Amino acid sequence: MTNIKDAISGYRKMILFVMFDMPTQTKADLKKYRDFRGKLLDLGFIMFQYSVYIRFCRSLSIAEKYMRKVEQFAPVNGSIRVLRITEEQYKQMKIIENYREKPEKKVHEQTQTVMVF
């Protein structure tokens, strides 16, 4: 049985998505792109997909703090979107993986080889 506190916390915990398209034609554009991406990583965001980064936050107020930080260092050129959803909404994400080639097999059991000399 699910603990009520755990169920409520799933709606309090937030996930921030930062999605962006930025020009990369010039060296200056590339520097702005790398700086922006580096700042996202410094703030604890992880790459979810190309140009989509996510960060898990314990509460709405923390999520809003990070949204403001992203807005402060967002470069002038480009298109940046920040989306916040609850942990419960994130858990309901449907993942569809249609590859032209077969995806890698998932390893269900980890094995370890020990060599003694």
N, C-alpha and C. Protein backbone atom coordinates (compact mmCIF):
# COMPACT_ATOMS: atom_id res chain seq x y z
N MET A 1 0.84 -1.19 0.00
CA MET A 1 0.00 0.00 0.00
C MET A 1 0.88 1.24 0.00
N THR A 2 0.52 2.23 -0.79
CA THR A 2 1.31 3.44 -0.92
C THR A 2 1.09 4.35 0.27
N ASN A 3 2.17 4.84 0.81
CA ASN A 3 2.14 5.78 1.90
C ASN A 3 1.58 7.11 1.37
N ILE A 4 0.67 7.74 2.11
CA ILE A 4 0.06 9.00 1.66
C ILE A 4 1.12 10.07 1.49
N LYS A 5 2.09 10.14 2.41
CA LYS A 5 3.15 11.13 2.31
C LYS A 5 3.94 10.95 1.02
N ASP A 6 4.24 9.69 0.66
CA ASP A 6 4.98 9.42 -0.58
C ASP A 6 4.17 9.85 -1.80
N ALA A 7 2.87 9.58 -1.78
CA ALA A 7 2.01 9.95 -2.91
C ALA A 7 1.95 11.46 -3.07
N ILE A 8 1.83 12.18 -1.97
CA ILE A 8 1.77 13.64 -2.04
C ILE A 8 3.11 14.20 -2.51
N SER A 9 4.22 13.65 -2.02
CA SER A 9 5.53 14.18 -2.39
C SER A 9 5.79 14.03 -3.89
N GLY A 10 5.20 13.03 -4.53
CA GLY A 10 5.35 12.86 -5.97
C GLY A 10 4.75 14.01 -6.75
N TYR A 11 3.81 14.71 -6.13
CA TYR A 11 3.22 15.87 -6.78
C TYR A 11 3.94 17.16 -6.38
N ARG A 12 4.76 17.10 -5.35
CA ARG A 12 5.54 18.27 -4.94
C ARG A 12 6.90 18.31 -5.62
N LYS A 13 7.48 17.16 -5.86
CA LYS A 13 8.78 17.12 -6.53
C LYS A 13 8.58 17.49 -7.99
N MET A 14 9.52 18.27 -8.50
CA MET A 14 9.38 18.79 -9.85
C MET A 14 10.54 18.36 -10.73
N ILE A 15 10.28 18.27 -12.02
CA ILE A 15 11.32 18.03 -13.01
C ILE A 15 11.29 19.22 -13.97
N LEU A 16 12.45 19.83 -14.16
CA LEU A 16 12.57 20.93 -15.11
C LEU A 16 13.14 20.41 -16.42
N PHE A 17 12.53 20.77 -17.50
CA PHE A 17 13.04 20.48 -18.84
C PHE A 17 13.50 21.80 -19.44
N VAL A 18 14.73 21.84 -19.94
CA VAL A 18 15.22 22.99 -20.70
C VAL A 18 15.48 22.49 -22.10
N MET A 19 14.75 23.07 -23.05
CA MET A 19 14.87 22.68 -24.46
C MET A 19 15.32 23.90 -25.24
N PHE A 20 16.29 23.72 -26.12
CA PHE A 20 16.80 24.90 -26.80
C PHE A 20 17.30 24.59 -28.21
N ASP A 21 17.20 25.61 -29.05
CA ASP A 21 17.79 25.62 -30.38
C ASP A 21 18.60 26.91 -30.44
N MET A 22 19.88 26.77 -30.78
CA MET A 22 20.75 27.93 -30.83
C MET A 22 21.57 27.88 -32.11
N PRO A 23 21.85 29.05 -32.68
CA PRO A 23 22.68 29.05 -33.89
C PRO A 23 24.10 28.58 -33.58
N THR A 24 24.71 27.88 -34.52
CA THR A 24 26.08 27.37 -34.33
C THR A 24 26.91 27.58 -35.59
N GLN A 25 26.59 28.59 -36.38
CA GLN A 25 27.29 28.81 -37.65
C GLN A 25 28.67 29.44 -37.45
N THR A 26 28.82 30.33 -36.49
CA THR A 26 30.09 31.03 -36.30
C THR A 26 30.78 30.55 -35.02
N LYS A 27 32.06 30.92 -34.88
CA LYS A 27 32.79 30.58 -33.66
C LYS A 27 32.14 31.23 -32.45
N ALA A 28 31.66 32.46 -32.62
CA ALA A 28 31.00 33.16 -31.52
C ALA A 28 29.71 32.43 -31.12
N ASP A 29 28.95 31.96 -32.11
CA ASP A 29 27.72 31.19 -31.84
C ASP A 29 28.05 29.91 -31.07
N LEU A 30 29.09 29.21 -31.52
CA LEU A 30 29.49 27.96 -30.86
C LEU A 30 29.91 28.21 -29.42
N LYS A 31 30.61 29.32 -29.18
CA LYS A 31 31.03 29.65 -27.81
C LYS A 31 29.81 29.90 -26.93
N LYS A 32 28.83 30.66 -27.44
CA LYS A 32 27.61 30.91 -26.67
C LYS A 32 26.87 29.61 -26.37
N TYR A 33 26.81 28.72 -27.35
CA TYR A 33 26.17 27.42 -27.17
C TYR A 33 26.89 26.62 -26.08
N ARG A 34 28.23 26.53 -26.20
CA ARG A 34 29.00 25.76 -25.22
C ARG A 34 28.89 26.36 -23.82
N ASP A 35 28.93 27.69 -23.73
CA ASP A 35 28.80 28.35 -22.42
C ASP A 35 27.44 28.07 -21.80
N PHE A 36 26.38 28.17 -22.60
CA PHE A 36 25.03 27.90 -22.10
C PHE A 36 24.90 26.46 -21.62
N ARG A 37 25.36 25.53 -22.44
CA ARG A 37 25.31 24.11 -22.08
C ARG A 37 26.13 23.84 -20.82
N GLY A 38 27.32 24.45 -20.73
CA GLY A 38 28.17 24.27 -19.56
C GLY A 38 27.52 24.78 -18.29
N LYS A 39 26.83 25.91 -18.38
CA LYS A 39 26.14 26.46 -17.20
C LYS A 39 24.99 25.54 -16.78
N LEU A 40 24.29 24.96 -17.74
CA LEU A 40 23.24 24.00 -17.39
C LEU A 40 23.84 22.83 -16.62
N LEU A 41 24.95 22.30 -17.11
CA LEU A 41 25.60 21.17 -16.43
C LEU A 41 26.08 21.58 -15.04
N ASP A 42 26.62 22.79 -14.91
CA ASP A 42 27.07 23.29 -13.60
C ASP A 42 25.92 23.38 -12.60
N LEU A 43 24.71 23.67 -13.10
CA LEU A 43 23.54 23.76 -12.23
C LEU A 43 22.92 22.39 -11.92
N GLY A 44 23.52 21.33 -12.43
CA GLY A 44 23.02 20.00 -12.12
C GLY A 44 22.04 19.42 -13.12
N PHE A 45 21.91 20.06 -14.28
CA PHE A 45 21.06 19.50 -15.33
C PHE A 45 21.82 18.35 -16.00
N ILE A 46 21.09 17.40 -16.51
CA ILE A 46 21.68 16.29 -17.25
C ILE A 46 21.04 16.25 -18.63
N MET A 47 21.81 15.75 -19.61
CA MET A 47 21.28 15.67 -20.96
C MET A 47 20.26 14.55 -21.04
N PHE A 48 19.06 14.88 -21.47
CA PHE A 48 17.98 13.93 -21.63
C PHE A 48 17.95 13.43 -23.07
N GLN A 49 18.05 14.36 -24.00
CA GLN A 49 18.21 14.12 -25.43
C GLN A 49 18.99 15.31 -25.96
N TYR A 50 19.36 15.27 -27.23
CA TYR A 50 20.07 16.41 -27.78
C TYR A 50 19.25 17.68 -27.59
N SER A 51 19.88 18.69 -27.04
CA SER A 51 19.26 20.00 -26.79
C SER A 51 18.08 19.94 -25.82
N VAL A 52 17.98 18.87 -25.04
CA VAL A 52 16.97 18.76 -23.99
C VAL A 52 17.68 18.31 -22.72
N TYR A 53 17.63 19.15 -21.71
CA TYR A 53 18.28 18.86 -20.43
C TYR A 53 17.24 18.86 -19.33
N ILE A 54 17.44 18.02 -18.31
CA ILE A 54 16.49 17.95 -17.21
C ILE A 54 17.21 18.09 -15.88
N ARG A 55 16.45 18.54 -14.90
CA ARG A 55 16.95 18.63 -13.53
C ARG A 55 15.82 18.27 -12.59
N PHE A 56 16.12 17.41 -11.62
CA PHE A 56 15.14 17.02 -10.62
C PHE A 56 15.23 18.00 -9.45
N CYS A 57 14.08 18.47 -8.98
CA CYS A 57 14.01 19.44 -7.89
C CYS A 57 13.09 18.92 -6.79
N ARG A 58 13.44 19.21 -5.55
CA ARG A 58 12.66 18.71 -4.41
C ARG A 58 11.32 19.42 -4.23
N SER A 59 11.19 20.64 -4.78
CA SER A 59 9.96 21.39 -4.56
C SER A 59 9.74 22.40 -5.69
N LEU A 60 8.56 22.97 -5.69
CA LEU A 60 8.21 23.99 -6.68
C LEU A 60 9.09 25.22 -6.52
N SER A 61 9.36 25.63 -5.29
CA SER A 61 10.18 26.83 -5.08
C SER A 61 11.60 26.63 -5.59
N ILE A 62 12.16 25.44 -5.41
CA ILE A 62 13.50 25.17 -5.93
C ILE A 62 13.48 25.16 -7.46
N ALA A 63 12.43 24.57 -8.04
CA ALA A 63 12.30 24.56 -9.50
C ALA A 63 12.23 25.99 -10.04
N GLU A 64 11.47 26.84 -9.38
CA GLU A 64 11.36 28.23 -9.82
C GLU A 64 12.69 28.96 -9.70
N LYS A 65 13.48 28.63 -8.67
CA LYS A 65 14.81 29.23 -8.51
C LYS A 65 15.69 28.90 -9.71
N TYR A 66 15.66 27.63 -10.14
CA TYR A 66 16.49 27.22 -11.27
C TYR A 66 15.96 27.77 -12.59
N MET A 67 14.65 27.95 -12.70
CA MET A 67 14.09 28.58 -13.90
C MET A 67 14.62 30.01 -14.03
N ARG A 68 14.67 30.74 -12.91
CA ARG A 68 15.18 32.12 -12.93
C ARG A 68 16.66 32.14 -13.31
N LYS A 69 17.44 31.17 -12.79
CA LYS A 69 18.87 31.11 -13.12
C LYS A 69 19.08 30.88 -14.61
N VAL A 70 18.31 29.96 -15.19
CA VAL A 70 18.43 29.70 -16.64
C VAL A 70 18.08 30.96 -17.41
N GLU A 71 17.05 31.64 -16.98
CA GLU A 71 16.64 32.88 -17.66
C GLU A 71 17.74 33.94 -17.59
N GLN A 72 18.46 33.99 -16.47
CA GLN A 72 19.51 35.01 -16.30
C GLN A 72 20.68 34.80 -17.25
N PHE A 73 21.08 33.55 -17.50
CA PHE A 73 22.24 33.35 -18.37
C PHE A 73 21.88 32.90 -19.78
N ALA A 74 20.61 32.96 -20.13
CA ALA A 74 20.18 32.60 -21.49
C ALA A 74 20.74 33.60 -22.49
N PRO A 75 21.39 33.12 -23.55
CA PRO A 75 21.93 34.04 -24.56
C PRO A 75 20.81 34.70 -25.36
N VAL A 76 21.16 35.81 -25.99
CA VAL A 76 20.17 36.58 -26.76
C VAL A 76 19.67 35.79 -27.96
N ASN A 77 20.57 35.18 -28.71
CA ASN A 77 20.16 34.41 -29.90
C ASN A 77 19.67 33.03 -29.49
N GLY A 78 18.76 32.51 -30.24
CA GLY A 78 18.30 31.16 -30.00
C GLY A 78 16.91 31.14 -29.38
N SER A 79 16.42 29.94 -29.24
CA SER A 79 15.08 29.73 -28.69
C SER A 79 15.22 28.75 -27.52
N ILE A 80 14.80 29.19 -26.34
CA ILE A 80 14.92 28.37 -25.13
C ILE A 80 13.55 28.25 -24.49
N ARG A 81 13.20 27.03 -24.14
CA ARG A 81 11.93 26.75 -23.48
C ARG A 81 12.23 26.02 -22.17
N VAL A 82 11.54 26.42 -21.10
CA VAL A 82 11.68 25.74 -19.82
C VAL A 82 10.29 25.25 -19.42
N LEU A 83 10.21 23.96 -19.17
CA LEU A 83 8.94 23.33 -18.80
C LEU A 83 9.13 22.66 -17.46
N ARG A 84 8.15 22.81 -16.58
CA ARG A 84 8.24 22.12 -15.29
C ARG A 84 7.02 21.20 -15.16
N ILE A 85 7.29 19.99 -14.72
CA ILE A 85 6.23 19.02 -14.49
C ILE A 85 6.48 18.35 -13.15
N THR A 86 5.46 17.70 -12.62
CA THR A 86 5.62 17.00 -11.35
C THR A 86 6.29 15.65 -11.59
N GLU A 87 6.82 15.09 -10.51
CA GLU A 87 7.44 13.77 -10.61
C GLU A 87 6.42 12.73 -11.06
N GLU A 88 5.18 12.85 -10.59
CA GLU A 88 4.14 11.90 -10.99
C GLU A 88 3.85 11.99 -12.49
N GLN A 89 3.83 13.20 -13.03
CA GLN A 89 3.64 13.34 -14.48
C GLN A 89 4.81 12.74 -15.23
N TYR A 90 6.01 12.96 -14.72
CA TYR A 90 7.21 12.41 -15.35
C TYR A 90 7.16 10.88 -15.39
N LYS A 91 6.69 10.27 -14.31
CA LYS A 91 6.60 8.82 -14.24
C LYS A 91 5.62 8.25 -15.27
N GLN A 92 4.67 9.06 -15.71
CA GLN A 92 3.67 8.60 -16.67
C GLN A 92 4.11 8.78 -18.12
N MET A 93 5.36 9.22 -18.32
CA MET A 93 5.86 9.43 -19.68
C MET A 93 5.84 8.11 -20.46
N LYS A 94 5.38 8.17 -21.66
CA LYS A 94 5.39 7.00 -22.54
C LYS A 94 6.66 7.08 -23.38
N ILE A 95 7.41 6.00 -23.38
CA ILE A 95 8.66 5.94 -24.14
C ILE A 95 8.45 5.03 -25.34
N ILE A 96 8.69 5.58 -26.51
CA ILE A 96 8.54 4.82 -27.75
C ILE A 96 9.90 4.79 -28.42
N GLU A 97 10.44 3.62 -28.59
CA GLU A 97 11.76 3.49 -29.20
C GLU A 97 11.62 2.67 -30.48
N ASN A 98 11.56 3.36 -31.59
CA ASN A 98 11.50 2.71 -32.89
C ASN A 98 12.80 2.98 -33.62
N TYR A 99 13.65 2.00 -33.62
CA TYR A 99 14.95 2.13 -34.27
C TYR A 99 14.93 1.41 -35.61
N ARG A 100 15.69 1.91 -36.54
CA ARG A 100 15.85 1.19 -37.81
C ARG A 100 16.66 -0.07 -37.55
N GLU A 101 17.65 0.06 -36.70
CA GLU A 101 18.42 -1.10 -36.28
C GLU A 101 17.89 -1.53 -34.93
N LYS A 102 18.09 -2.77 -34.59
CA LYS A 102 17.61 -3.25 -33.31
C LYS A 102 18.35 -2.54 -32.18
N PRO A 103 17.63 -2.10 -31.13
CA PRO A 103 18.30 -1.46 -30.00
C PRO A 103 19.16 -2.48 -29.25
N GLU A 104 20.08 -1.95 -28.46
CA GLU A 104 20.94 -2.84 -27.68
C GLU A 104 20.10 -3.68 -26.74
N LYS A 105 20.55 -4.89 -26.51
CA LYS A 105 19.84 -5.75 -25.57
C LYS A 105 20.08 -5.22 -24.17
N LYS A 106 19.05 -5.23 -23.35
CA LYS A 106 19.16 -4.79 -21.98
C LYS A 106 19.75 -5.92 -21.15
N VAL A 107 20.70 -5.57 -20.32
CA VAL A 107 21.32 -6.55 -19.45
C VAL A 107 20.49 -6.64 -18.18
N HIS A 108 19.99 -7.83 -17.89
CA HIS A 108 19.15 -8.00 -16.71
C HIS A 108 19.96 -8.47 -15.51
N GLU A 109 21.11 -9.04 -15.77
CA GLU A 109 21.92 -9.54 -14.68
C GLU A 109 23.35 -9.09 -14.91
N GLN A 110 23.93 -8.49 -13.88
CA GLN A 110 25.31 -8.03 -14.01
C GLN A 110 26.24 -9.13 -13.53
N THR A 111 27.25 -9.41 -14.32
CA THR A 111 28.22 -10.43 -13.93
C THR A 111 29.57 -9.79 -13.73
N GLN A 112 30.37 -10.44 -12.93
CA GLN A 112 31.69 -9.90 -12.63
C GLN A 112 32.71 -11.02 -12.76
N THR A 113 33.82 -10.70 -13.38
CA THR A 113 34.91 -11.66 -13.51
C THR A 113 36.05 -11.20 -12.63
N VAL A 114 36.53 -12.08 -11.80
CA VAL A 114 37.65 -11.76 -10.92
C VAL A 114 38.83 -12.59 -11.35
N MET A 115 39.95 -11.92 -11.60
CA MET A 115 41.16 -12.63 -11.99
C MET A 115 42.16 -12.53 -10.84
N VAL A 116 42.65 -13.68 -10.38
CA VAL A 116 43.60 -13.72 -9.29
C VAL A 116 44.93 -14.20 -9.84
N PHE A 117 45.98 -13.48 -9.58
CA PHE A 117 47.31 -13.85 -10.07
C PHE A 117 48.20 -14.28 -8.93
